[in-house]
């Protein structure tokens, strides 16, 4: 059985979440788009040269790093610079390259909240980034067909390399899994993103897998888990997730030795949804007493108190806890999960 002894710095690192993964993905995506935009600008002016045959438009390093506020958080970016020595024949002034994607004054992207899900979900599932890019940058952004083609090819290559990487060199002590549904209008109405994040024995948290699935079905999760197993992934000690039956049935099929831990965030929301608002405050405290109990015995007594206080009038809500009691209390068997149970 694997075990983890984490110091304070390691515990802090364990709190890396999907927001950080999204920020890193947004940073790489923006950097690739900026490089492609500059390459297209240089290619269009490749034939223009001075009397000595030197190109009039060349790269000139990168600008100072700055932060752009996006829906994924603050993203640090270094925009590539262009040295354009051409002169506008009408005004007589030097022509300057200005990025349409990232103008010099831009500090916040107002459209990313609407388009980023489309980029990740629709682009990931169909490879069609054109509609999302047009919505993000505007129809007059100057993104030519070659630029779009290059970006799509680069993203597809990165994703394929990610999906084919070897997983045999690492052990995941526990994994967190969830299906991410986006409120965007797609032809594939049942489509969602299946995500697995793993924590290694040294405390490193990393994205294990992300792919499109159909409503978190058993077949979709099983196919993803089988693919991870084919690439050398060994069964994690614990899998953390919500109550979606598709994941757990697939886990029993592919990694039957892995223990199941229900996600307390989802469970709390599901219980409260079955209760009238007037009692939700007290029920939330009762659920917290179970989750934050010092040991399993105290947690079981807290469950008994929940049943006594709410079971008669709201049996459906209480059953969501009692039916999943073993999976909700799994982390008590693994001390290194105690500090993560509430944040999983």
C-alpha atoms as a PDB file:
ATOM      1  CA  UNK A   1       0.000   0.000   0.000  1.00  0.00           C
ATOM      2  CA  UNK A   2       1.368   3.433  -0.938  1.00  0.00           C
ATOM      3  CA  UNK A   3       1.656   6.137   1.669  1.00  0.00           C
ATOM      4  CA  UNK A   4       2.451   9.829   1.593  1.00  0.00           C
ATOM      5  CA  UNK A   5       4.197  11.949   4.206  1.00  0.00           C
ATOM      6  CA  UNK A   6       3.766  15.563   3.186  1.00  0.00           C
ATOM      7  CA  UNK A   7       5.385  18.589   4.812  1.00  0.00           C
ATOM      8  CA  UNK A   8       3.758  22.025   4.827  1.00  0.00           C
ATOM      9  CA  UNK A   9       5.159  22.999   1.426  1.00  0.00           C
ATOM     10  CA  UNK A  10       3.967  19.739  -0.131  1.00  0.00           C
ATOM     11  CA  UNK A  11       0.494  20.200   1.340  1.00  0.00           C
ATOM     12  CA  UNK A  12       0.319  23.668  -0.177  1.00  0.00           C
ATOM     13  CA  UNK A  13       1.248  22.230  -3.563  1.00  0.00           C
ATOM     14  CA  UNK A  14      -1.513  19.630  -3.265  1.00  0.00           C
ATOM     15  CA  UNK A  15      -4.104  22.392  -3.451  1.00  0.00           C
ATOM     16  CA  UNK A  16      -3.372  22.903  -7.145  1.00  0.00           C
ATOM     17  CA  UNK A  17      -6.765  22.721  -8.812  1.00  0.00           C
ATOM     18  CA  UNK A  18      -8.385  22.798 -12.212  1.00  0.00           C
ATOM     19  CA  UNK A  19      -8.234  26.597 -12.254  1.00  0.00           C
ATOM     20  CA  UNK A  20      -4.437  26.416 -12.445  1.00  0.00           C
ATOM     21  CA  UNK A  21      -4.617  23.781 -15.152  1.00  0.00           C
ATOM     22  CA  UNK A  22      -7.043  25.977 -17.093  1.00  0.00           C
ATOM     23  CA  UNK A  23      -4.757  28.994 -16.691  1.00  0.00           C
ATOM     24  CA  UNK A  24      -1.775  27.051 -18.018  1.00  0.00           C
ATOM     25  CA  UNK A  25      -3.834  25.799 -20.955  1.00  0.00           C
ATOM     26  CA  UNK A  26      -5.052  29.326 -21.694  1.00  0.00           C
ATOM     27  CA  UNK A  27      -1.489  30.670 -21.526  1.00  0.00           C
ATOM     28  CA  UNK A  28      -0.187  28.087 -23.996  1.00  0.00           C
ATOM     29  CA  UNK A  29      -3.134  28.592 -26.322  1.00  0.00           C
ATOM     30  CA  UNK A  30      -2.645  32.367 -26.356  1.00  0.00           C
ATOM     31  CA  UNK A  31       1.107  32.036 -26.919  1.00  0.00           C
ATOM     32  CA  UNK A  32       0.539  29.714 -29.881  1.00  0.00           C
ATOM     33  CA  UNK A  33      -2.028  32.064 -31.415  1.00  0.00           C
ATOM     34  CA  UNK A  34       0.317  35.052 -31.079  1.00  0.00           C
ATOM     35  CA  UNK A  35       3.218  33.171 -32.677  1.00  0.00           C
ATOM     36  CA  UNK A  36       0.983  32.070 -35.552  1.00  0.00           C
ATOM     37  CA  UNK A  37      -0.240  35.636 -36.069  1.00  0.00           C
ATOM     38  CA  UNK A  38       3.333  36.951 -36.305  1.00  0.00           C
ATOM     39  CA  UNK A  39       4.395  34.134 -38.639  1.00  0.00           C
ATOM     40  CA  UNK A  40       1.524  35.008 -40.984  1.00  0.00           C
ATOM     41  CA  UNK A  41       2.518  38.709 -40.897  1.00  0.00           C
ATOM     42  CA  UNK A  42       6.151  37.859 -41.701  1.00  0.00           C
ATOM     43  CA  UNK A  43       5.160  35.477 -44.494  1.00  0.00           C
ATOM     44  CA  UNK A  44       2.996  38.124 -46.149  1.00  0.00           C
ATOM     45  CA  UNK A  45       5.960  40.533 -46.234  1.00  0.00           C
ATOM     46  CA  UNK A  46       8.673  37.985 -47.038  1.00  0.00           C
ATOM     47  CA  UNK A  47       9.240  39.316 -50.547  1.00  0.00           C
ATOM     48  CA  UNK A  48       9.821  42.909 -49.445  1.00  0.00           C
ATOM     49  CA  UNK A  49      13.559  43.652 -49.116  1.00  0.00           C
ATOM     50  CA  UNK A  50      15.882  46.629 -49.050  1.00  0.00           C
ATOM     51  CA  UNK A  51      18.592  47.514 -51.585  1.00  0.00           C
ATOM     52  CA  UNK A  52      21.007  45.066 -49.965  1.00  0.00           C
ATOM     53  CA  UNK A  53      18.457  42.241 -50.233  1.00  0.00           C
ATOM     54  CA  UNK A  54      17.714  42.150 -46.521  1.00  0.00           C
ATOM     55  CA  UNK A  55      14.172  41.547 -45.355  1.00  0.00           C
ATOM     56  CA  UNK A  56      12.303  44.629 -44.250  1.00  0.00           C
ATOM     57  CA  UNK A  57      10.100  42.754 -41.798  1.00  0.00           C
ATOM     58  CA  UNK A  58      11.776  40.487 -39.228  1.00  0.00           C
ATOM     59  CA  UNK A  59      11.196  39.232 -35.707  1.00  0.00           C
ATOM     60  CA  UNK A  60      12.480  41.343 -32.840  1.00  0.00           C
ATOM     61  CA  UNK A  61      12.302  39.176 -29.725  1.00  0.00           C
ATOM     62  CA  UNK A  62       9.450  39.453 -27.265  1.00  0.00           C
ATOM     63  CA  UNK A  63       7.842  42.250 -25.313  1.00  0.00           C
ATOM     64  CA  UNK A  64       7.952  42.398 -21.542  1.00  0.00           C
ATOM     65  CA  UNK A  65       5.733  39.900 -19.790  1.00  0.00           C
ATOM     66  CA  UNK A  66       2.323  41.193 -18.783  1.00  0.00           C
ATOM     67  CA  UNK A  67      -0.801  39.707 -17.274  1.00  0.00           C
ATOM     68  CA  UNK A  68      -4.099  39.417 -19.108  1.00  0.00           C
ATOM     69  CA  UNK A  69      -7.234  38.866 -17.034  1.00  0.00           C
ATOM     70  CA  UNK A  70      -9.300  36.020 -18.465  1.00  0.00           C
ATOM     71  CA  UNK A  71     -12.090  33.805 -17.190  1.00  0.00           C
ATOM     72  CA  UNK A  72      -9.379  31.283 -16.302  1.00  0.00           C
ATOM     73  CA  UNK A  73      -7.656  33.896 -14.129  1.00  0.00           C
ATOM     74  CA  UNK A  74      -4.634  36.120 -14.704  1.00  0.00           C
ATOM     75  CA  UNK A  75      -2.544  34.697 -17.544  1.00  0.00           C
ATOM     76  CA  UNK A  76       1.078  35.837 -17.995  1.00  0.00           C
ATOM     77  CA  UNK A  77       2.086  36.310 -21.623  1.00  0.00           C
ATOM     78  CA  UNK A  78       5.062  37.626 -23.614  1.00  0.00           C
ATOM     79  CA  UNK A  79       3.910  38.874 -26.993  1.00  0.00           C
ATOM     80  CA  UNK A  80       6.363  38.458 -29.902  1.00  0.00           C
ATOM     81  CA  UNK A  81       7.640  41.718 -31.405  1.00  0.00           C
ATOM     82  CA  UNK A  82       8.186  42.587 -35.075  1.00  0.00           C
ATOM     83  CA  UNK A  83      10.727  44.994 -36.578  1.00  0.00           C
ATOM     84  CA  UNK A  84       8.949  46.443 -39.610  1.00  0.00           C
ATOM     85  CA  UNK A  85      11.198  48.903 -41.493  1.00  0.00           C
ATOM     86  CA  UNK A  86       8.720  49.625 -44.275  1.00  0.00           C
ATOM     87  CA  UNK A  87       7.299  53.117 -44.799  1.00  0.00           C
ATOM     88  CA  UNK A  88       3.686  53.909 -45.549  1.00  0.00           C
ATOM     89  CA  UNK A  89       3.722  55.650 -48.967  1.00  0.00           C
ATOM     90  CA  UNK A  90       0.690  57.776 -48.062  1.00  0.00           C
ATOM     91  CA  UNK A  91       1.650  59.066 -44.610  1.00  0.00           C
ATOM     92  CA  UNK A  92       5.416  58.619 -44.863  1.00  0.00           C
ATOM     93  CA  UNK A  93       5.471  57.018 -41.421  1.00  0.00           C
ATOM     94  CA  UNK A  94       6.933  53.678 -40.432  1.00  0.00           C
ATOM     95  CA  UNK A  95       4.513  50.789 -40.629  1.00  0.00           C
ATOM     96  CA  UNK A  96       4.045  49.114 -37.252  1.00  0.00           C
ATOM     97  CA  UNK A  97       2.850  45.636 -36.521  1.00  0.00           C
ATOM     98  CA  UNK A  98      -0.114  45.629 -34.166  1.00  0.00           C
ATOM     99  CA  UNK A  99      -1.497  42.379 -32.905  1.00  0.00           C
ATOM    100  CA  UNK A 100      -5.254  42.056 -33.388  1.00  0.00           C
ATOM    101  CA  UNK A 101      -5.368  39.166 -30.922  1.00  0.00           C
ATOM    102  CA  UNK A 102      -3.576  41.050 -28.137  1.00  0.00           C
ATOM    103  CA  UNK A 103      -3.620  44.850 -28.616  1.00  0.00           C
ATOM    104  CA  UNK A 104      -1.046  46.831 -26.589  1.00  0.00           C
ATOM    105  CA  UNK A 105      -3.771  48.286 -24.357  1.00  0.00           C
ATOM    106  CA  UNK A 106      -5.484  44.952 -23.640  1.00  0.00           C
ATOM    107  CA  UNK A 107      -5.522  43.927 -19.991  1.00  0.00           C
ATOM    108  CA  UNK A 108      -8.808  42.030 -19.840  1.00  0.00           C
ATOM    109  CA  UNK A 109     -10.680  39.779 -22.218  1.00  0.00           C
ATOM    110  CA  UNK A 110     -14.459  40.336 -21.961  1.00  0.00           C
ATOM    111  CA  UNK A 111     -15.354  37.545 -24.397  1.00  0.00           C
ATOM    112  CA  UNK A 112     -13.324  34.660 -23.015  1.00  0.00           C
ATOM    113  CA  UNK A 113     -16.065  33.559 -20.601  1.00  0.00           C
ATOM    114  CA  UNK A 114     -18.356  32.932 -23.567  1.00  0.00           C
ATOM    115  CA  UNK A 115     -15.865  31.356 -25.956  1.00  0.00           C
ATOM    116  CA  UNK A 116     -13.383  29.391 -23.826  1.00  0.00           C
ATOM    117  CA  UNK A 117     -15.837  26.499 -23.205  1.00  0.00           C
ATOM    118  CA  UNK A 118     -16.478  26.332 -26.922  1.00  0.00           C
ATOM    119  CA  UNK A 119     -12.748  26.252 -27.662  1.00  0.00           C
ATOM    120  CA  UNK A 120     -12.145  23.431 -25.207  1.00  0.00           C
ATOM    121  CA  UNK A 121     -15.259  21.371 -25.803  1.00  0.00           C
ATOM    122  CA  UNK A 122     -16.229  21.854 -29.439  1.00  0.00           C
ATOM    123  CA  UNK A 123     -12.626  22.141 -30.613  1.00  0.00           C
ATOM    124  CA  UNK A 124     -11.574  19.109 -28.610  1.00  0.00           C
ATOM    125  CA  UNK A 125     -14.362  16.900 -29.879  1.00  0.00           C
ATOM    126  CA  UNK A 126     -14.522  17.923 -33.539  1.00  0.00           C
ATOM    127  CA  UNK A 127     -11.309  19.800 -34.256  1.00  0.00           C
ATOM    128  CA  UNK A 128     -13.359  22.773 -35.457  1.00  0.00           C
ATOM    129  CA  UNK A 129     -11.795  25.814 -33.779  1.00  0.00           C
ATOM    130  CA  UNK A 130     -12.824  28.272 -36.496  1.00  0.00           C
ATOM    131  CA  UNK A 131     -16.201  29.259 -35.044  1.00  0.00           C
ATOM    132  CA  UNK A 132     -14.741  29.694 -31.571  1.00  0.00           C
ATOM    133  CA  UNK A 133     -11.814  31.772 -32.803  1.00  0.00           C
ATOM    134  CA  UNK A 134     -14.096  34.033 -34.807  1.00  0.00           C
ATOM    135  CA  UNK A 135     -16.291  34.565 -31.761  1.00  0.00           C
ATOM    136  CA  UNK A 136     -13.260  35.274 -29.574  1.00  0.00           C
ATOM    137  CA  UNK A 137     -11.312  37.604 -31.857  1.00  0.00           C
ATOM    138  CA  UNK A 138     -14.134  38.965 -34.027  1.00  0.00           C
ATOM    139  CA  UNK A 139     -14.742  38.336 -37.694  1.00  0.00           C
ATOM    140  CA  UNK A 140     -12.283  41.097 -38.666  1.00  0.00           C
ATOM    141  CA  UNK A 141      -9.416  39.784 -36.589  1.00  0.00           C
ATOM    142  CA  UNK A 142      -7.268  38.992 -39.609  1.00  0.00           C
ATOM    143  CA  UNK A 143      -6.929  35.291 -38.783  1.00  0.00           C
ATOM    144  CA  UNK A 144      -6.313  33.864 -42.213  1.00  0.00           C
ATOM    145  CA  UNK A 145      -7.074  30.311 -43.265  1.00  0.00           C
ATOM    146  CA  UNK A 146      -3.360  29.293 -43.047  1.00  0.00           C
ATOM    147  CA  UNK A 147      -3.162  30.650 -39.491  1.00  0.00           C
ATOM    148  CA  UNK A 148      -6.281  28.736 -38.443  1.00  0.00           C
ATOM    149  CA  UNK A 149      -4.935  25.586 -40.084  1.00  0.00           C
ATOM    150  CA  UNK A 150      -1.613  25.919 -38.318  1.00  0.00           C
ATOM    151  CA  UNK A 151      -3.198  26.527 -34.927  1.00  0.00           C
ATOM    152  CA  UNK A 152      -5.546  23.568 -35.292  1.00  0.00           C
ATOM    153  CA  UNK A 153      -2.687  21.314 -36.388  1.00  0.00           C
ATOM    154  CA  UNK A 154      -0.516  22.425 -33.461  1.00  0.00           C
ATOM    155  CA  UNK A 155      -3.284  21.925 -30.897  1.00  0.00           C
ATOM    156  CA  UNK A 156      -4.226  18.550 -32.313  1.00  0.00           C
ATOM    157  CA  UNK A 157      -0.584  17.439 -32.249  1.00  0.00           C
ATOM    158  CA  UNK A 158      -0.206  18.587 -28.625  1.00  0.00           C
ATOM    159  CA  UNK A 159      -3.403  16.803 -27.629  1.00  0.00           C
ATOM    160  CA  UNK A 160      -2.436  13.587 -29.422  1.00  0.00           C
ATOM    161  CA  UNK A 161       0.988  13.615 -27.760  1.00  0.00           C
ATOM    162  CA  UNK A 162      -0.694  14.148 -24.383  1.00  0.00           C
ATOM    163  CA  UNK A 163      -3.123  11.274 -24.998  1.00  0.00           C
ATOM    164  CA  UNK A 164      -0.342   8.892 -26.045  1.00  0.00           C
ATOM    165  CA  UNK A 165       2.238   9.600 -23.335  1.00  0.00           C
ATOM    166  CA  UNK A 166       3.522   6.718 -21.208  1.00  0.00           C
ATOM    167  CA  UNK A 167       2.005   6.470 -17.707  1.00  0.00           C
ATOM    168  CA  UNK A 168       4.046   3.490 -16.482  1.00  0.00           C
ATOM    169  CA  UNK A 169       6.658   5.649 -14.723  1.00  0.00           C
ATOM    170  CA  UNK A 170       4.325   7.015 -12.076  1.00  0.00           C
ATOM    171  CA  UNK A 171       2.080   5.839  -9.253  1.00  0.00           C
ATOM    172  CA  UNK A 172      -1.053   7.804  -8.443  1.00  0.00           C
ATOM    173  CA  UNK A 173      -1.883   7.646  -4.771  1.00  0.00           C
ATOM    174  CA  UNK A 174      -5.320   9.040  -5.452  1.00  0.00           C
ATOM    175  CA  UNK A 175      -7.168  10.498  -8.413  1.00  0.00           C
ATOM    176  CA  UNK A 176     -10.015  12.977  -8.716  1.00  0.00           C
ATOM    177  CA  UNK A 177     -12.453  12.475 -11.579  1.00  0.00           C
ATOM    178  CA  UNK A 178     -15.392  14.476 -12.862  1.00  0.00           C
ATOM    179  CA  UNK A 179     -17.438  15.146 -15.959  1.00  0.00           C
ATOM    180  CA  UNK A 180     -17.464  18.804 -16.973  1.00  0.00           C
ATOM    181  CA  UNK A 181     -20.636  19.972 -18.718  1.00  0.00           C
ATOM    182  CA  UNK A 182     -20.712  23.272 -20.592  1.00  0.00           C
ATOM    183  CA  UNK A 183     -23.758  25.410 -21.309  1.00  0.00           C
ATOM    184  CA  UNK A 184     -22.968  25.964 -24.956  1.00  0.00           C
ATOM    185  CA  UNK A 185     -25.069  25.116 -27.988  1.00  0.00           C
ATOM    186  CA  UNK A 186     -23.492  22.164 -29.716  1.00  0.00           C
ATOM    187  CA  UNK A 187     -24.821  19.581 -32.103  1.00  0.00           C
ATOM    188  CA  UNK A 188     -23.632  16.922 -29.663  1.00  0.00           C
ATOM    189  CA  UNK A 189     -26.141  17.755 -26.926  1.00  0.00           C
ATOM    190  CA  UNK A 190     -24.992  14.896 -24.686  1.00  0.00           C
ATOM    191  CA  UNK A 191     -21.288  15.692 -24.935  1.00  0.00           C
ATOM    192  CA  UNK A 192     -19.156  16.503 -21.885  1.00  0.00           C
ATOM    193  CA  UNK A 193     -15.471  16.526 -20.930  1.00  0.00           C
ATOM    194  CA  UNK A 194     -14.218  13.653 -18.764  1.00  0.00           C
ATOM    195  CA  UNK A 195     -11.331  14.792 -16.574  1.00  0.00           C
ATOM    196  CA  UNK A 196      -8.945  12.851 -14.318  1.00  0.00           C
ATOM    197  CA  UNK A 197      -6.413  14.595 -12.076  1.00  0.00           C
ATOM    198  CA  UNK A 198      -3.903  12.441 -10.206  1.00  0.00           C
ATOM    199  CA  UNK A 199      -1.672  12.938  -7.148  1.00  0.00           C
ATOM    200  CA  UNK A 200       1.648  11.077  -7.179  1.00  0.00           C
ATOM    201  CA  UNK A 201       3.424   9.627  -4.164  1.00  0.00           C
ATOM    202  CA  UNK A 202       5.669  12.696  -3.864  1.00  0.00           C
ATOM    203  CA  UNK A 203       2.638  14.993  -3.672  1.00  0.00           C
ATOM    204  CA  UNK A 204       2.777  16.208  -7.278  1.00  0.00           C
ATOM    205  CA  UNK A 205      -0.657  16.882  -8.749  1.00  0.00           C
ATOM    206  CA  UNK A 206      -1.043  16.578 -12.515  1.00  0.00           C
ATOM    207  CA  UNK A 207      -3.629  16.246 -15.243  1.00  0.00           C
ATOM    208  CA  UNK A 208      -3.864  12.546 -16.131  1.00  0.00           C
ATOM    209  CA  UNK A 209      -6.491  12.540 -18.863  1.00  0.00           C
ATOM    210  CA  UNK A 210      -9.126  14.676 -20.536  1.00  0.00           C
ATOM    211  CA  UNK A 211     -11.391  13.547 -23.335  1.00  0.00           C
ATOM    212  CA  UNK A 212     -14.930  13.932 -24.600  1.00  0.00           C
ATOM    213  CA  UNK A 213     -17.603  11.546 -23.378  1.00  0.00           C
ATOM    214  CA  UNK A 214     -21.341  11.025 -23.554  1.00  0.00           C
ATOM    215  CA  UNK A 215     -23.103  12.180 -20.383  1.00  0.00           C
ATOM    216  CA  UNK A 216     -20.556  10.511 -18.113  1.00  0.00           C
ATOM    217  CA  UNK A 217     -21.780   7.085 -19.192  1.00  0.00           C
ATOM    218  CA  UNK A 218     -20.183   3.873 -17.956  1.00  0.00           C
ATOM    219  CA  UNK A 219     -18.894   3.085 -21.440  1.00  0.00           C
ATOM    220  CA  UNK A 220     -17.281   6.517 -21.783  1.00  0.00           C
ATOM    221  CA  UNK A 221     -15.524   6.323 -18.414  1.00  0.00           C
ATOM    222  CA  UNK A 222     -14.515   2.702 -18.950  1.00  0.00           C
ATOM    223  CA  UNK A 223     -12.954   3.510 -22.315  1.00  0.00           C
ATOM    224  CA  UNK A 224     -10.959   6.352 -20.783  1.00  0.00           C
ATOM    225  CA  UNK A 225      -9.766   4.201 -17.874  1.00  0.00           C
ATOM    226  CA  UNK A 226      -8.869   1.326 -20.211  1.00  0.00           C
ATOM    227  CA  UNK A 227      -6.838   3.706 -22.354  1.00  0.00           C
ATOM    228  CA  UNK A 228      -4.922   4.877 -19.261  1.00  0.00           C
ATOM    229  CA  UNK A 229      -4.311   1.254 -18.262  1.00  0.00           C
ATOM    230  CA  UNK A 230      -3.033   0.396 -21.755  1.00  0.00           C
ATOM    231  CA  UNK A 231      -0.497   3.195 -21.436  1.00  0.00           C
ATOM    232  CA  UNK A 232       0.831   1.748 -18.185  1.00  0.00           C
ATOM    233  CA  UNK A 233      -1.249   3.452 -15.520  1.00  0.00           C
ATOM    234  CA  UNK A 234      -1.539   1.355 -12.378  1.00  0.00           C
ATOM    235  CA  UNK A 235      -4.636   1.327 -10.195  1.00  0.00           C
ATOM    236  CA  UNK A 236      -4.720   4.352  -7.870  1.00  0.00           C
ATOM    237  CA  UNK A 237      -5.289   3.621  -4.203  1.00  0.00           C
ATOM    238  CA  UNK A 238      -8.356   5.898  -4.031  1.00  0.00           C
ATOM    239  CA  UNK A 239     -10.600   7.507  -6.633  1.00  0.00           C
ATOM    240  CA  UNK A 240     -12.466  10.677  -5.592  1.00  0.00           C
ATOM    241  CA  UNK A 241     -15.570  11.748  -7.480  1.00  0.00           C
ATOM    242  CA  UNK A 242     -19.256  12.561  -7.265  1.00  0.00           C
ATOM    243  CA  UNK A 243     -22.074  10.042  -7.294  1.00  0.00           C
ATOM    244  CA  UNK A 244     -22.225   9.579 -11.082  1.00  0.00           C
ATOM    245  CA  UNK A 245     -22.824   5.845 -11.482  1.00  0.00           C
ATOM    246  CA  UNK A 246     -20.996   5.690 -14.799  1.00  0.00           C
ATOM    247  CA  UNK A 247     -17.596   6.358 -13.211  1.00  0.00           C
ATOM    248  CA  UNK A 248     -17.962   3.869 -10.377  1.00  0.00           C
ATOM    249  CA  UNK A 249     -19.240   1.017 -12.542  1.00  0.00           C
ATOM    250  CA  UNK A 250     -16.368   1.629 -14.964  1.00  0.00           C
ATOM    251  CA  UNK A 251     -13.873   1.741 -12.087  1.00  0.00           C
ATOM    252  CA  UNK A 252     -15.075  -1.634 -10.770  1.00  0.00           C
ATOM    253  CA  UNK A 253     -14.514  -3.050 -14.242  1.00  0.00           C
ATOM    254  CA  UNK A 254     -11.092  -1.581 -15.000  1.00  0.00           C
ATOM    255  CA  UNK A 255      -9.479  -0.957 -11.565  1.00  0.00           C
ATOM    256  CA  UNK A 256     -11.483  -3.110  -9.122  1.00  0.00           C
ATOM    257  CA  UNK A 257      -8.884  -2.762  -6.339  1.00  0.00           C
ATOM    258  CA  UNK A 258      -9.244   1.024  -6.178  1.00  0.00           C
ATOM    259  CA  UNK A 259     -11.199   2.347  -3.196  1.00  0.00           C
ATOM    260  CA  UNK A 260     -14.038   4.813  -3.759  1.00  0.00           C
ATOM    261  CA  UNK A 261     -14.309   8.182  -2.030  1.00  0.00           C
ATOM    262  CA  UNK A 262     -17.364  10.331  -2.683  1.00  0.00           C
ATOM    263  CA  UNK A 263     -16.795  14.031  -3.260  1.00  0.00           C
ATOM    264  CA  UNK A 264     -18.175  15.937  -0.255  1.00  0.00           C
ATOM    265  CA  UNK A 265     -18.746  19.145  -2.225  1.00  0.00           C
ATOM    266  CA  UNK A 266     -21.135  17.421  -4.640  1.00  0.00           C
ATOM    267  CA  UNK A 267     -22.715  15.353  -1.883  1.00  0.00           C
ATOM    268  CA  UNK A 268     -23.448  18.395   0.270  1.00  0.00           C
ATOM    269  CA  UNK A 269     -25.068  20.192  -2.663  1.00  0.00           C
ATOM    270  CA  UNK A 270     -27.187  17.127  -3.499  1.00  0.00           C
ATOM    271  CA  UNK A 271     -28.428  16.772   0.071  1.00  0.00           C
ATOM    272  CA  UNK A 272     -29.270  20.451   0.475  1.00  0.00           C
ATOM    273  CA  UNK A 273     -31.171  20.420  -2.816  1.00  0.00           C
ATOM    274  CA  UNK A 274     -33.649  17.985  -1.232  1.00  0.00           C
ATOM    275  CA  UNK A 275     -34.290  20.187   1.794  1.00  0.00           C
ATOM    276  CA  UNK A 276     -36.327  23.372   2.238  1.00  0.00           C
ATOM    277  CA  UNK A 277     -34.239  26.518   2.608  1.00  0.00           C
ATOM    278  CA  UNK A 278     -35.355  27.057   6.184  1.00  0.00           C
ATOM    279  CA  UNK A 279     -33.431  23.973   7.378  1.00  0.00           C
ATOM    280  CA  UNK A 280     -30.482  24.064   4.982  1.00  0.00           C
ATOM    281  CA  UNK A 281     -28.268  26.042   7.370  1.00  0.00           C
ATOM    282  CA  UNK A 282     -28.573  23.465  10.136  1.00  0.00           C
ATOM    283  CA  UNK A 283     -28.221  20.557   7.719  1.00  0.00           C
ATOM    284  CA  UNK A 284     -25.032  22.084   6.293  1.00  0.00           C
ATOM    285  CA  UNK A 285     -23.535  22.200   9.786  1.00  0.00           C
ATOM    286  CA  UNK A 286     -24.599  18.587  10.423  1.00  0.00           C
ATOM    287  CA  UNK A 287     -22.908  17.465   7.198  1.00  0.00           C
ATOM    288  CA  UNK A 288     -19.760  19.392   8.105  1.00  0.00           C
ATOM    289  CA  UNK A 289     -19.639  17.566  11.461  1.00  0.00           C
ATOM    290  CA  UNK A 290     -19.576  14.266   9.588  1.00  0.00           C
ATOM    291  CA  UNK A 291     -16.955  15.378   7.070  1.00  0.00           C
ATOM    292  CA  UNK A 292     -14.701  17.081   9.633  1.00  0.00           C
ATOM    293  CA  UNK A 293     -14.978  14.431  12.364  1.00  0.00           C
ATOM    294  CA  UNK A 294     -11.618  13.454  13.934  1.00  0.00           C
ATOM    295  CA  UNK A 295     -12.164   9.745  13.251  1.00  0.00           C
ATOM    296  CA  UNK A 296     -14.614   7.250  11.778  1.00  0.00           C
ATOM    297  CA  UNK A 297     -16.429   6.603  15.059  1.00  0.00           C
ATOM    298  CA  UNK A 298     -17.189  10.291  15.547  1.00  0.00           C
ATOM    299  CA  UNK A 299     -18.316  10.506  11.916  1.00  0.00           C
ATOM    300  CA  UNK A 300     -20.755   7.601  12.350  1.00  0.00           C
ATOM    301  CA  UNK A 301     -22.244   9.212  15.444  1.00  0.00           C
ATOM    302  CA  UNK A 302     -22.650  12.438  13.449  1.00  0.00           C
ATOM    303  CA  UNK A 303     -24.495  10.458  10.758  1.00  0.00           C
ATOM    304  CA  UNK A 304     -26.804   9.026  13.416  1.00  0.00           C
ATOM    305  CA  UNK A 305     -27.510  12.575  14.592  1.00  0.00           C
ATOM    306  CA  UNK A 306     -28.306  13.618  11.013  1.00  0.00           C
ATOM    307  CA  UNK A 307     -30.771  10.717  10.702  1.00  0.00           C
ATOM    308  CA  UNK A 308     -32.381  11.576  14.039  1.00  0.00           C
ATOM    309  CA  UNK A 309     -32.794  15.270  13.198  1.00  0.00           C
ATOM    310  CA  UNK A 310     -33.817  15.088   9.538  1.00  0.00           C
ATOM    311  CA  UNK A 311     -34.611  11.480   8.640  1.00  0.00           C
ATOM    312  CA  UNK A 312     -38.289  11.467   9.569  1.00  0.00           C
ATOM    313  CA  UNK A 313     -39.389  14.518   7.553  1.00  0.00           C
ATOM    314  CA  UNK A 314     -36.790  14.364   4.764  1.00  0.00           C
ATOM    315  CA  UNK A 315     -35.790  10.718   4.299  1.00  0.00           C
ATOM    316  CA  UNK A 316     -34.747  11.249   0.670  1.00  0.00           C
ATOM    317  CA  UNK A 317     -32.118  13.814   1.670  1.00  0.00           C
ATOM    318  CA  UNK A 318     -30.758  11.707   4.522  1.00  0.00           C
ATOM    319  CA  UNK A 319     -30.617   8.593   2.340  1.00  0.00           C
ATOM    320  CA  UNK A 320     -28.101  10.339   0.110  1.00  0.00           C
ATOM    321  CA  UNK A 321     -25.703  10.176   3.061  1.00  0.00           C
ATOM    322  CA  UNK A 322     -26.607   6.834   4.633  1.00  0.00           C
ATOM    323  CA  UNK A 323     -26.619   4.975   1.313  1.00  0.00           C
ATOM    324  CA  UNK A 324     -23.103   6.215   0.513  1.00  0.00           C
ATOM    325  CA  UNK A 325     -21.740   6.196   4.069  1.00  0.00           C
ATOM    326  CA  UNK A 326     -18.823   3.836   3.376  1.00  0.00           C
ATOM    327  CA  UNK A 327     -17.706   5.759   0.309  1.00  0.00           C
ATOM    328  CA  UNK A 328     -18.106   9.094   2.109  1.00  0.00           C
ATOM    329  CA  UNK A 329     -15.913   7.943   5.007  1.00  0.00           C
ATOM    330  CA  UNK A 330     -13.285   6.116   2.968  1.00  0.00           C
ATOM    331  CA  UNK A 331     -10.682   8.811   3.614  1.00  0.00           C
ATOM    332  CA  UNK A 332     -10.491   7.851   7.298  1.00  0.00           C
ATOM    333  CA  UNK A 333      -8.545   4.748   6.204  1.00  0.00           C
ATOM    334  CA  UNK A 334      -5.919   6.973   4.573  1.00  0.00           C
ATOM    335  CA  UNK A 335      -4.506   9.705   6.854  1.00  0.00           C
ATOM    336  CA  UNK A 336      -2.898  11.516   3.920  1.00  0.00           C
ATOM    337  CA  UNK A 337      -6.370  12.099   2.489  1.00  0.00           C
ATOM    338  CA  UNK A 338      -7.700  13.776   5.623  1.00  0.00           C
ATOM    339  CA  UNK A 339      -6.341  17.181   4.692  1.00  0.00           C
ATOM    340  CA  UNK A 340      -7.832  16.842   1.194  1.00  0.00           C
ATOM    341  CA  UNK A 341     -11.291  15.443   1.945  1.00  0.00           C
ATOM    342  CA  UNK A 342     -12.995  18.806   2.194  1.00  0.00           C
ATOM    343  CA  UNK A 343     -11.272  20.245  -0.887  1.00  0.00           C
ATOM    344  CA  UNK A 344     -11.571  17.209  -3.164  1.00  0.00           C
END
